[in-house]
Amino acid sequence: MVITEVNLIGITPEVIRDEDFENIKKSFESRIDLIILRFETNKEFNKHHENFVALAKDVDKELSINSRHIDQIPKNSNLHLNSKDLLRLAQRPISTSLLLGASCHNEAEVKQAKKIGCDYLLISPVYNTNGKEGIGWSHFKTLSALSTCPCFALGGMKKENIKDSLENGGQGVAGISLMND
């Protein structure tokens, strides 16, 4: 599957309050092209999954599920691999008719994503976030050049950073904050 029209990928907060869902719904309807479901617990995933499936269907956009919920993922669901799960795989874990993404932080992870046929990558962190040192736009550009699929910048991103991503070989940006930006 190809995601050439996507510029903004939203990632759910780990815990969602009722009022958060309304904000997420508005951003998905208006500007977010793809949402990655990534919750703190499987209980939280089970609580919200069906609402997000219905929302994605209503607005005709894609939904992907983080691999931390691998035991909860319904068949025929798009999958987003965290870097730990990415490195454990010998081959693509889902059909090529479904969207497969991965979070990458270094050259080895980008090469592994290429090997198993990922459809998009989130390269991070570009900026310093939560005690993690950012790789910067120069290294983002280096890593995205190794990929054969669209790359999105993650880590301190705002909608305005789409231009920076495009100038450095990316296709757009991703982040939790984009859901309320």
N, C-alpha and C. Protein backbone atom coordinates (compact mmCIF):
# COMPACT_ATOMS: atom_id res chain seq x y z
N MET A 1 0.85 -1.18 0.00
CA MET A 1 0.00 0.00 0.00
C MET A 1 0.89 1.24 0.00
N VAL A 2 0.50 2.27 -0.73
CA VAL A 2 1.29 3.49 -0.82
C VAL A 2 0.53 4.64 -0.15
N ILE A 3 1.27 5.48 0.56
CA ILE A 3 0.61 6.61 1.23
C ILE A 3 1.20 7.93 0.73
N THR A 4 1.12 8.15 -0.56
CA THR A 4 1.74 9.33 -1.17
C THR A 4 1.03 10.64 -0.85
N GLU A 5 -0.22 10.60 -0.46
CA GLU A 5 -0.98 11.82 -0.19
C GLU A 5 -0.92 12.25 1.27
N VAL A 6 -0.24 11.51 2.11
CA VAL A 6 -0.22 11.78 3.55
C VAL A 6 0.89 12.77 3.90
N ASN A 7 0.57 13.79 4.71
CA ASN A 7 1.57 14.73 5.23
C ASN A 7 1.58 14.78 6.75
N LEU A 8 0.45 14.48 7.38
CA LEU A 8 0.34 14.56 8.83
C LEU A 8 -0.15 13.24 9.41
N ILE A 9 0.66 12.67 10.30
CA ILE A 9 0.29 11.44 10.99
C ILE A 9 0.13 11.77 12.47
N GLY A 10 -1.04 11.48 13.00
CA GLY A 10 -1.30 11.69 14.42
C GLY A 10 -1.09 10.40 15.19
N ILE A 11 -0.61 10.54 16.40
CA ILE A 11 -0.43 9.39 17.29
C ILE A 11 -1.26 9.66 18.54
N THR A 12 -2.05 8.69 18.94
CA THR A 12 -2.91 8.91 20.10
C THR A 12 -2.07 9.05 21.37
N PRO A 13 -2.57 9.86 22.32
CA PRO A 13 -1.93 9.86 23.64
C PRO A 13 -2.12 8.48 24.25
N GLU A 14 -1.29 8.14 25.23
CA GLU A 14 -1.38 6.80 25.83
C GLU A 14 -2.67 6.59 26.61
N VAL A 15 -3.24 7.66 27.13
CA VAL A 15 -4.52 7.61 27.83
C VAL A 15 -5.41 8.68 27.23
N ILE A 16 -6.64 8.31 26.91
CA ILE A 16 -7.56 9.26 26.28
C ILE A 16 -8.77 9.51 27.19
N ARG A 17 -8.98 10.78 27.48
CA ARG A 17 -10.19 11.17 28.21
C ARG A 17 -11.28 11.46 27.18
N ASP A 18 -12.52 11.50 27.61
CA ASP A 18 -13.63 11.74 26.67
C ASP A 18 -13.44 13.02 25.87
N GLU A 19 -12.99 14.08 26.55
CA GLU A 19 -12.79 15.36 25.85
C GLU A 19 -11.63 15.29 24.85
N ASP A 20 -10.65 14.41 25.11
CA ASP A 20 -9.55 14.22 24.15
C ASP A 20 -10.07 13.64 22.84
N PHE A 21 -11.02 12.70 22.95
CA PHE A 21 -11.54 12.05 21.75
C PHE A 21 -12.20 13.08 20.83
N GLU A 22 -12.91 14.04 21.39
CA GLU A 22 -13.55 15.07 20.56
C GLU A 22 -12.51 15.91 19.81
N ASN A 23 -11.41 16.27 20.47
CA ASN A 23 -10.33 17.01 19.80
C ASN A 23 -9.68 16.18 18.71
N ILE A 24 -9.44 14.91 19.02
CA ILE A 24 -8.84 14.00 18.03
C ILE A 24 -9.76 13.86 16.83
N LYS A 25 -11.03 13.71 17.10
CA LYS A 25 -12.02 13.58 16.02
C LYS A 25 -11.98 14.80 15.10
N LYS A 26 -11.94 15.99 15.67
CA LYS A 26 -11.89 17.22 14.86
C LYS A 26 -10.62 17.28 14.01
N SER A 27 -9.48 16.92 14.59
CA SER A 27 -8.23 16.98 13.82
C SER A 27 -8.19 15.90 12.74
N PHE A 28 -8.76 14.74 13.00
CA PHE A 28 -8.80 13.67 12.01
C PHE A 28 -9.72 14.08 10.86
N GLU A 29 -10.82 14.71 11.17
CA GLU A 29 -11.75 15.16 10.13
C GLU A 29 -11.15 16.26 9.26
N SER A 30 -10.34 17.13 9.86
CA SER A 30 -9.88 18.30 9.12
C SER A 30 -8.46 18.23 8.57
N ARG A 31 -7.51 17.64 9.30
CA ARG A 31 -6.12 17.75 8.82
C ARG A 31 -5.26 16.50 8.97
N ILE A 32 -5.51 15.66 9.94
CA ILE A 32 -4.70 14.46 10.13
C ILE A 32 -5.08 13.43 9.07
N ASP A 33 -4.08 12.85 8.40
CA ASP A 33 -4.34 11.89 7.32
C ASP A 33 -4.36 10.44 7.79
N LEU A 34 -3.64 10.16 8.85
CA LEU A 34 -3.51 8.80 9.37
C LEU A 34 -3.34 8.90 10.88
N ILE A 35 -4.00 8.01 11.63
CA ILE A 35 -3.81 7.97 13.08
C ILE A 35 -3.22 6.62 13.45
N ILE A 36 -2.19 6.69 14.30
CA ILE A 36 -1.61 5.47 14.87
C ILE A 36 -2.14 5.35 16.29
N LEU A 37 -2.81 4.23 16.57
CA LEU A 37 -3.32 3.97 17.91
C LEU A 37 -2.19 3.39 18.76
N ARG A 38 -1.84 4.11 19.81
CA ARG A 38 -0.77 3.67 20.71
C ARG A 38 -1.16 4.04 22.14
N PHE A 39 -1.72 3.07 22.82
CA PHE A 39 -2.21 3.31 24.17
C PHE A 39 -1.27 2.73 25.21
N GLU A 40 -1.43 3.20 26.44
CA GLU A 40 -0.59 2.76 27.55
C GLU A 40 -0.80 1.27 27.86
N THR A 41 -2.05 0.82 27.79
CA THR A 41 -2.37 -0.56 28.14
C THR A 41 -3.31 -1.16 27.10
N ASN A 42 -3.40 -2.49 27.09
CA ASN A 42 -4.36 -3.15 26.22
C ASN A 42 -5.79 -2.83 26.66
N LYS A 43 -5.98 -2.61 27.95
CA LYS A 43 -7.31 -2.23 28.46
C LYS A 43 -7.74 -0.91 27.82
N GLU A 44 -6.82 0.05 27.77
CA GLU A 44 -7.11 1.34 27.14
C GLU A 44 -7.37 1.15 25.64
N PHE A 45 -6.60 0.29 24.99
CA PHE A 45 -6.81 -0.03 23.58
C PHE A 45 -8.21 -0.57 23.36
N ASN A 46 -8.59 -1.57 24.16
CA ASN A 46 -9.91 -2.18 24.02
C ASN A 46 -11.04 -1.19 24.26
N LYS A 47 -10.81 -0.25 25.15
CA LYS A 47 -11.82 0.77 25.47
C LYS A 47 -12.09 1.70 24.28
N HIS A 48 -11.07 1.99 23.49
CA HIS A 48 -11.20 3.01 22.43
C HIS A 48 -11.15 2.50 21.00
N HIS A 49 -10.68 1.30 20.78
CA HIS A 49 -10.44 0.80 19.43
C HIS A 49 -11.65 0.95 18.51
N GLU A 50 -12.80 0.47 18.93
CA GLU A 50 -13.99 0.50 18.06
C GLU A 50 -14.40 1.93 17.70
N ASN A 51 -14.26 2.86 18.64
CA ASN A 51 -14.58 4.27 18.34
C ASN A 51 -13.68 4.81 17.23
N PHE A 52 -12.40 4.43 17.27
CA PHE A 52 -11.47 4.91 16.25
C PHE A 52 -11.72 4.24 14.90
N VAL A 53 -12.08 2.97 14.91
CA VAL A 53 -12.41 2.28 13.66
C VAL A 53 -13.61 2.97 13.00
N ALA A 54 -14.63 3.26 13.78
CA ALA A 54 -15.82 3.94 13.25
C ALA A 54 -15.47 5.33 12.73
N LEU A 55 -14.65 6.06 13.49
CA LEU A 55 -14.24 7.40 13.07
C LEU A 55 -13.47 7.36 11.75
N ALA A 56 -12.51 6.46 11.63
CA ALA A 56 -11.72 6.34 10.40
C ALA A 56 -12.62 6.03 9.21
N LYS A 57 -13.59 5.16 9.43
CA LYS A 57 -14.52 4.81 8.35
C LYS A 57 -15.37 6.02 7.96
N ASP A 58 -15.84 6.77 8.96
CA ASP A 58 -16.68 7.94 8.70
C ASP A 58 -15.96 9.01 7.88
N VAL A 59 -14.68 9.22 8.16
CA VAL A 59 -13.93 10.28 7.47
C VAL A 59 -13.09 9.74 6.32
N ASP A 60 -13.19 8.44 6.06
CA ASP A 60 -12.48 7.79 4.96
C ASP A 60 -10.97 8.02 5.01
N LYS A 61 -10.40 7.75 6.19
CA LYS A 61 -8.96 7.87 6.38
C LYS A 61 -8.42 6.60 7.02
N GLU A 62 -7.11 6.48 7.04
CA GLU A 62 -6.47 5.27 7.52
C GLU A 62 -6.19 5.30 9.03
N LEU A 63 -6.22 4.12 9.61
CA LEU A 63 -5.93 3.90 11.01
C LEU A 63 -4.89 2.80 11.07
N SER A 64 -3.88 2.96 11.90
CA SER A 64 -2.86 1.93 12.07
C SER A 64 -2.71 1.64 13.56
N ILE A 65 -2.38 0.41 13.90
CA ILE A 65 -2.30 0.01 15.30
C ILE A 65 -0.86 -0.30 15.67
N ASN A 66 -0.39 0.30 16.76
CA ASN A 66 0.98 0.08 17.22
C ASN A 66 1.17 -1.36 17.65
N SER A 67 2.34 -1.90 17.37
CA SER A 67 2.62 -3.31 17.66
C SER A 67 2.66 -3.63 19.15
N ARG A 68 2.67 -2.62 20.03
CA ARG A 68 2.59 -2.92 21.47
C ARG A 68 1.26 -3.59 21.80
N HIS A 69 0.28 -3.49 20.89
CA HIS A 69 -1.03 -4.11 21.08
C HIS A 69 -1.19 -5.34 20.18
N ILE A 70 -0.10 -5.99 19.85
CA ILE A 70 -0.09 -7.08 18.87
C ILE A 70 -1.11 -8.18 19.19
N ASP A 71 -1.30 -8.49 20.46
CA ASP A 71 -2.25 -9.54 20.83
C ASP A 71 -3.71 -9.10 20.69
N GLN A 72 -3.94 -7.82 20.56
CA GLN A 72 -5.30 -7.28 20.47
C GLN A 72 -5.71 -6.91 19.04
N ILE A 73 -4.76 -6.93 18.13
CA ILE A 73 -5.01 -6.41 16.78
C ILE A 73 -5.90 -7.36 15.98
N PRO A 74 -7.03 -6.85 15.50
CA PRO A 74 -7.88 -7.67 14.64
C PRO A 74 -7.17 -7.96 13.31
N LYS A 75 -7.50 -9.10 12.72
CA LYS A 75 -6.94 -9.41 11.40
C LYS A 75 -7.35 -8.32 10.42
N ASN A 76 -6.58 -8.19 9.39
CA ASN A 76 -6.83 -7.17 8.36
C ASN A 76 -6.75 -5.75 8.89
N SER A 77 -5.84 -5.53 9.85
CA SER A 77 -5.60 -4.18 10.37
C SER A 77 -4.23 -3.70 9.93
N ASN A 78 -4.12 -2.41 9.66
CA ASN A 78 -2.82 -1.80 9.40
C ASN A 78 -2.00 -1.89 10.68
N LEU A 79 -0.68 -2.00 10.53
CA LEU A 79 0.20 -2.21 11.68
C LEU A 79 1.36 -1.22 11.67
N HIS A 80 1.65 -0.65 12.83
CA HIS A 80 2.83 0.20 13.00
C HIS A 80 3.76 -0.48 14.01
N LEU A 81 4.97 -0.81 13.56
CA LEU A 81 5.94 -1.51 14.40
C LEU A 81 6.79 -0.55 15.22
N ASN A 82 6.91 -0.82 16.52
CA ASN A 82 7.91 -0.09 17.28
C ASN A 82 9.27 -0.68 16.90
N SER A 83 10.35 -0.01 17.21
CA SER A 83 11.67 -0.44 16.74
C SER A 83 12.06 -1.80 17.30
N LYS A 84 11.64 -2.11 18.51
CA LYS A 84 11.95 -3.41 19.12
C LYS A 84 11.30 -4.55 18.32
N ASP A 85 10.03 -4.39 18.00
CA ASP A 85 9.34 -5.42 17.23
C ASP A 85 9.86 -5.48 15.79
N LEU A 86 10.20 -4.35 15.22
CA LEU A 86 10.77 -4.29 13.87
C LEU A 86 12.01 -5.17 13.76
N LEU A 87 12.91 -5.05 14.71
CA LEU A 87 14.18 -5.77 14.65
C LEU A 87 14.03 -7.28 14.85
N ARG A 88 12.91 -7.72 15.38
CA ARG A 88 12.67 -9.15 15.61
C ARG A 88 12.15 -9.89 14.38
N LEU A 89 11.73 -9.15 13.38
CA LEU A 89 11.06 -9.78 12.24
C LEU A 89 12.02 -10.18 11.13
N ALA A 90 11.72 -11.33 10.52
CA ALA A 90 12.50 -11.79 9.37
C ALA A 90 11.80 -11.42 8.06
N GLN A 91 10.49 -11.17 8.14
CA GLN A 91 9.73 -10.83 6.94
C GLN A 91 8.53 -9.97 7.31
N ARG A 92 7.87 -9.48 6.30
CA ARG A 92 6.69 -8.64 6.50
C ARG A 92 5.61 -9.45 7.23
N PRO A 93 5.06 -8.91 8.34
CA PRO A 93 4.12 -9.68 9.14
C PRO A 93 2.66 -9.60 8.68
N ILE A 94 2.35 -8.69 7.75
CA ILE A 94 0.98 -8.55 7.27
C ILE A 94 0.98 -8.47 5.75
N SER A 95 -0.19 -8.63 5.18
CA SER A 95 -0.36 -8.59 3.73
C SER A 95 0.10 -7.25 3.15
N THR A 96 0.54 -7.29 1.91
CA THR A 96 0.94 -6.05 1.24
C THR A 96 -0.28 -5.18 0.90
N SER A 97 -1.48 -5.71 1.06
CA SER A 97 -2.69 -4.90 0.85
C SER A 97 -2.99 -4.02 2.06
N LEU A 98 -2.25 -4.26 3.15
CA LEU A 98 -2.40 -3.47 4.37
C LEU A 98 -1.19 -2.57 4.56
N LEU A 99 -1.38 -1.51 5.31
CA LEU A 99 -0.33 -0.53 5.57
C LEU A 99 0.57 -0.99 6.70
N LEU A 100 1.88 -1.01 6.44
CA LEU A 100 2.87 -1.39 7.45
C LEU A 100 3.86 -0.25 7.63
N GLY A 101 3.93 0.26 8.85
CA GLY A 101 4.86 1.33 9.17
C GLY A 101 5.80 0.90 10.28
N ALA A 102 6.84 1.70 10.51
CA ALA A 102 7.80 1.39 11.57
C ALA A 102 8.41 2.67 12.11
N SER A 103 8.75 2.62 13.39
CA SER A 103 9.50 3.71 14.03
C SER A 103 10.98 3.37 13.95
N CYS A 104 11.77 4.30 13.43
CA CYS A 104 13.21 4.07 13.26
C CYS A 104 14.01 5.20 13.87
N HIS A 105 15.16 4.83 14.45
CA HIS A 105 16.02 5.81 15.12
C HIS A 105 17.45 5.78 14.61
N ASN A 106 17.77 4.78 13.77
CA ASN A 106 19.14 4.64 13.30
C ASN A 106 19.17 3.90 11.96
N GLU A 107 20.37 3.79 11.40
CA GLU A 107 20.55 3.17 10.10
C GLU A 107 20.12 1.70 10.08
N ALA A 108 20.46 0.95 11.11
CA ALA A 108 20.11 -0.48 11.16
C ALA A 108 18.59 -0.67 11.11
N GLU A 109 17.86 0.17 11.81
CA GLU A 109 16.40 0.04 11.82
C GLU A 109 15.81 0.43 10.47
N VAL A 110 16.33 1.46 9.83
CA VAL A 110 15.85 1.85 8.50
C VAL A 110 16.11 0.72 7.50
N LYS A 111 17.28 0.11 7.56
CA LYS A 111 17.60 -1.00 6.65
C LYS A 111 16.69 -2.20 6.90
N GLN A 112 16.39 -2.48 8.16
CA GLN A 112 15.48 -3.58 8.50
C GLN A 112 14.07 -3.29 7.97
N ALA A 113 13.62 -2.06 8.11
CA ALA A 113 12.30 -1.67 7.62
C ALA A 113 12.22 -1.85 6.10
N LYS A 114 13.30 -1.49 5.43
CA LYS A 114 13.37 -1.66 3.97
C LYS A 114 13.33 -3.15 3.62
N LYS A 115 14.06 -3.96 4.37
CA LYS A 115 14.14 -5.40 4.12
C LYS A 115 12.77 -6.08 4.22
N ILE A 116 11.97 -5.69 5.21
CA ILE A 116 10.67 -6.36 5.38
C ILE A 116 9.54 -5.67 4.61
N GLY A 117 9.86 -4.59 3.91
CA GLY A 117 8.87 -3.96 3.03
C GLY A 117 7.89 -3.02 3.71
N CYS A 118 8.38 -2.19 4.60
CA CYS A 118 7.51 -1.19 5.23
C CYS A 118 7.02 -0.18 4.21
N ASP A 119 5.83 0.34 4.44
CA ASP A 119 5.21 1.31 3.54
C ASP A 119 5.51 2.75 3.93
N TYR A 120 5.89 2.98 5.18
CA TYR A 120 6.27 4.31 5.65
C TYR A 120 7.09 4.17 6.92
N LEU A 121 7.88 5.20 7.23
CA LEU A 121 8.70 5.21 8.45
C LEU A 121 8.48 6.49 9.22
N LEU A 122 8.53 6.39 10.54
CA LEU A 122 8.61 7.55 11.42
C LEU A 122 10.04 7.59 11.92
N ILE A 123 10.78 8.62 11.56
CA ILE A 123 12.18 8.75 11.98
C ILE A 123 12.24 9.75 13.12
N SER A 124 12.86 9.30 14.22
CA SER A 124 12.84 10.15 15.42
C SER A 124 14.00 9.88 16.37
N PRO A 125 14.10 10.77 17.39
CA PRO A 125 13.44 12.07 17.50
C PRO A 125 14.24 13.13 16.76
N VAL A 126 13.57 13.95 15.98
CA VAL A 126 14.27 15.01 15.26
C VAL A 126 14.71 16.10 16.24
N TYR A 127 13.79 16.53 17.09
CA TYR A 127 14.11 17.53 18.12
C TYR A 127 14.22 16.83 19.48
N ASN A 128 14.85 17.48 20.44
CA ASN A 128 14.92 16.95 21.80
C ASN A 128 13.50 16.84 22.37
N THR A 129 13.19 15.67 22.91
CA THR A 129 11.88 15.46 23.52
C THR A 129 11.99 14.52 24.70
N ASN A 130 11.33 14.85 25.78
CA ASN A 130 11.24 13.98 26.96
C ASN A 130 12.56 13.32 27.33
N GLY A 131 13.61 14.09 27.39
CA GLY A 131 14.91 13.56 27.79
C GLY A 131 15.67 12.83 26.70
N LYS A 132 15.10 12.73 25.50
CA LYS A 132 15.78 12.08 24.38
C LYS A 132 16.42 13.16 23.52
N GLU A 133 17.68 12.95 23.19
CA GLU A 133 18.39 13.92 22.36
C GLU A 133 17.96 13.78 20.90
N GLY A 134 17.65 14.90 20.28
CA GLY A 134 17.21 14.89 18.88
C GLY A 134 18.35 14.60 17.92
N ILE A 135 17.99 14.01 16.78
CA ILE A 135 19.00 13.68 15.77
C ILE A 135 19.24 14.85 14.81
N GLY A 136 18.31 15.81 14.78
CA GLY A 136 18.44 16.96 13.90
C GLY A 136 18.01 16.66 12.47
N TRP A 137 17.80 17.73 11.70
CA TRP A 137 17.34 17.57 10.33
C TRP A 137 18.38 16.95 9.41
N SER A 138 19.64 17.19 9.65
CA SER A 138 20.69 16.63 8.81
C SER A 138 20.70 15.10 8.89
N HIS A 139 20.60 14.57 10.11
CA HIS A 139 20.60 13.11 10.27
C HIS A 139 19.27 12.52 9.80
N PHE A 140 18.18 13.25 9.99
CA PHE A 140 16.90 12.81 9.44
C PHE A 140 17.04 12.62 7.93
N LYS A 141 17.67 13.59 7.27
CA LYS A 141 17.87 13.53 5.82
C LYS A 141 18.70 12.31 5.44
N THR A 142 19.76 12.04 6.19
CA THR A 142 20.61 10.88 5.93
C THR A 142 19.81 9.58 6.04
N LEU A 143 19.03 9.46 7.11
CA LEU A 143 18.25 8.23 7.32
C LEU A 143 17.14 8.10 6.29
N SER A 144 16.46 9.18 5.96
CA SER A 144 15.38 9.09 4.99
C SER A 144 15.91 8.74 3.59
N ALA A 145 17.14 9.13 3.30
CA ALA A 145 17.75 8.80 2.00
C ALA A 145 18.01 7.30 1.86
N LEU A 146 18.13 6.60 2.98
CA LEU A 146 18.34 5.15 2.96
C LEU A 146 17.06 4.38 2.69
N SER A 147 15.94 5.03 2.84
CA SER A 147 14.64 4.37 2.72
C SER A 147 14.10 4.46 1.30
N THR A 148 13.29 3.46 0.95
CA THR A 148 12.61 3.48 -0.34
C THR A 148 11.13 3.83 -0.18
N CYS A 149 10.72 4.11 1.06
CA CYS A 149 9.32 4.46 1.31
C CYS A 149 9.25 5.85 1.95
N PRO A 150 8.07 6.44 2.00
CA PRO A 150 7.92 7.77 2.60
C PRO A 150 8.36 7.79 4.07
N CYS A 151 9.04 8.87 4.45
CA CYS A 151 9.52 9.05 5.83
C CYS A 151 8.87 10.29 6.44
N PHE A 152 8.54 10.17 7.70
CA PHE A 152 7.91 11.26 8.43
C PHE A 152 8.74 11.58 9.66
N ALA A 153 8.92 12.86 9.91
CA ALA A 153 9.69 13.31 11.07
C ALA A 153 8.82 13.24 12.31
N LEU A 154 9.40 12.75 13.40
CA LEU A 154 8.72 12.63 14.68
C LEU A 154 9.62 13.19 15.77
N GLY A 155 9.02 13.78 16.77
CA GLY A 155 9.80 14.29 17.90
C GLY A 155 9.79 15.80 17.93
N GLY A 156 8.82 16.38 18.64
CA GLY A 156 8.73 17.83 18.76
C GLY A 156 8.13 18.51 17.55
N MET A 157 7.42 17.77 16.71
CA MET A 157 6.91 18.32 15.45
C MET A 157 5.63 19.13 15.63
N LYS A 158 5.52 20.11 14.74
CA LYS A 158 4.30 20.91 14.58
C LYS A 158 3.96 20.89 13.10
N LYS A 159 2.74 21.27 12.79
CA LYS A 159 2.30 21.28 11.39
C LYS A 159 3.25 22.10 10.51
N GLU A 160 3.79 23.18 11.07
CA GLU A 160 4.70 24.05 10.32
C GLU A 160 5.99 23.33 9.90
N ASN A 161 6.31 22.21 10.54
CA ASN A 161 7.54 21.48 10.23
C ASN A 161 7.42 20.61 8.98
N ILE A 162 6.24 20.57 8.36
CA ILE A 162 6.10 19.81 7.11
C ILE A 162 7.12 20.31 6.09
N LYS A 163 7.27 21.62 5.99
CA LYS A 163 8.23 22.21 5.04
C LYS A 163 9.64 21.71 5.33
N ASP A 164 10.05 21.69 6.61
CA ASP A 164 11.38 21.20 6.98
C ASP A 164 11.55 19.74 6.57
N SER A 165 10.51 18.95 6.81
CA SER A 165 10.57 17.54 6.44
C SER A 165 10.75 17.38 4.93
N LEU A 166 9.94 18.10 4.16
CA LEU A 166 10.04 18.03 2.70
C LEU A 166 11.42 18.45 2.20
N GLU A 167 11.99 19.48 2.81
CA GLU A 167 13.32 19.96 2.42
C GLU A 167 14.43 18.98 2.77
N ASN A 168 14.13 18.03 3.65
CA ASN A 168 15.15 17.07 4.10
C ASN A 168 14.81 15.63 3.72
N GLY A 169 14.07 15.48 2.63
CA GLY A 169 13.81 14.15 2.09
C GLY A 169 12.61 13.44 2.67
N GLY A 170 11.87 14.08 3.56
CA GLY A 170 10.69 13.46 4.15
C GLY A 170 9.43 13.79 3.38
N GLN A 171 8.34 13.22 3.86
CA GLN A 171 7.04 13.47 3.23
C GLN A 171 6.12 14.27 4.15
N GLY A 172 6.46 14.33 5.43
CA GLY A 172 5.61 15.04 6.37
C GLY A 172 6.09 14.85 7.79
N VAL A 173 5.17 15.07 8.73
CA VAL A 173 5.50 14.97 10.15
C VAL A 173 4.48 14.12 10.88
N ALA A 174 4.88 13.65 12.06
CA ALA A 174 4.01 12.83 12.90
C ALA A 174 4.17 13.26 14.34
N GLY A 175 3.14 13.00 15.14
CA GLY A 175 3.27 13.29 16.55
C GLY A 175 1.97 13.26 17.31
N ILE A 176 2.10 13.15 18.62
CA ILE A 176 0.95 13.21 19.51
C ILE A 176 0.39 14.63 19.55
N SER A 177 1.28 15.60 19.61
CA SER A 177 0.84 17.00 19.73
C SER A 177 0.07 17.47 18.50
N LEU A 178 0.24 16.81 17.37
CA LEU A 178 -0.48 17.21 16.15
C LEU A 178 -1.98 16.98 16.28
N MET A 179 -2.38 16.14 17.22
CA MET A 179 -3.79 15.86 17.43
C MET A 179 -4.52 17.07 18.00
N ASN A 180 -3.78 17.96 18.66
CA ASN A 180 -4.39 19.15 19.27
C ASN A 180 -3.80 20.43 18.71
N ASP A 181 -2.92 20.33 17.74
CA ASP A 181 -2.19 21.49 17.19
C ASP A 181 -3.09 22.39 16.37
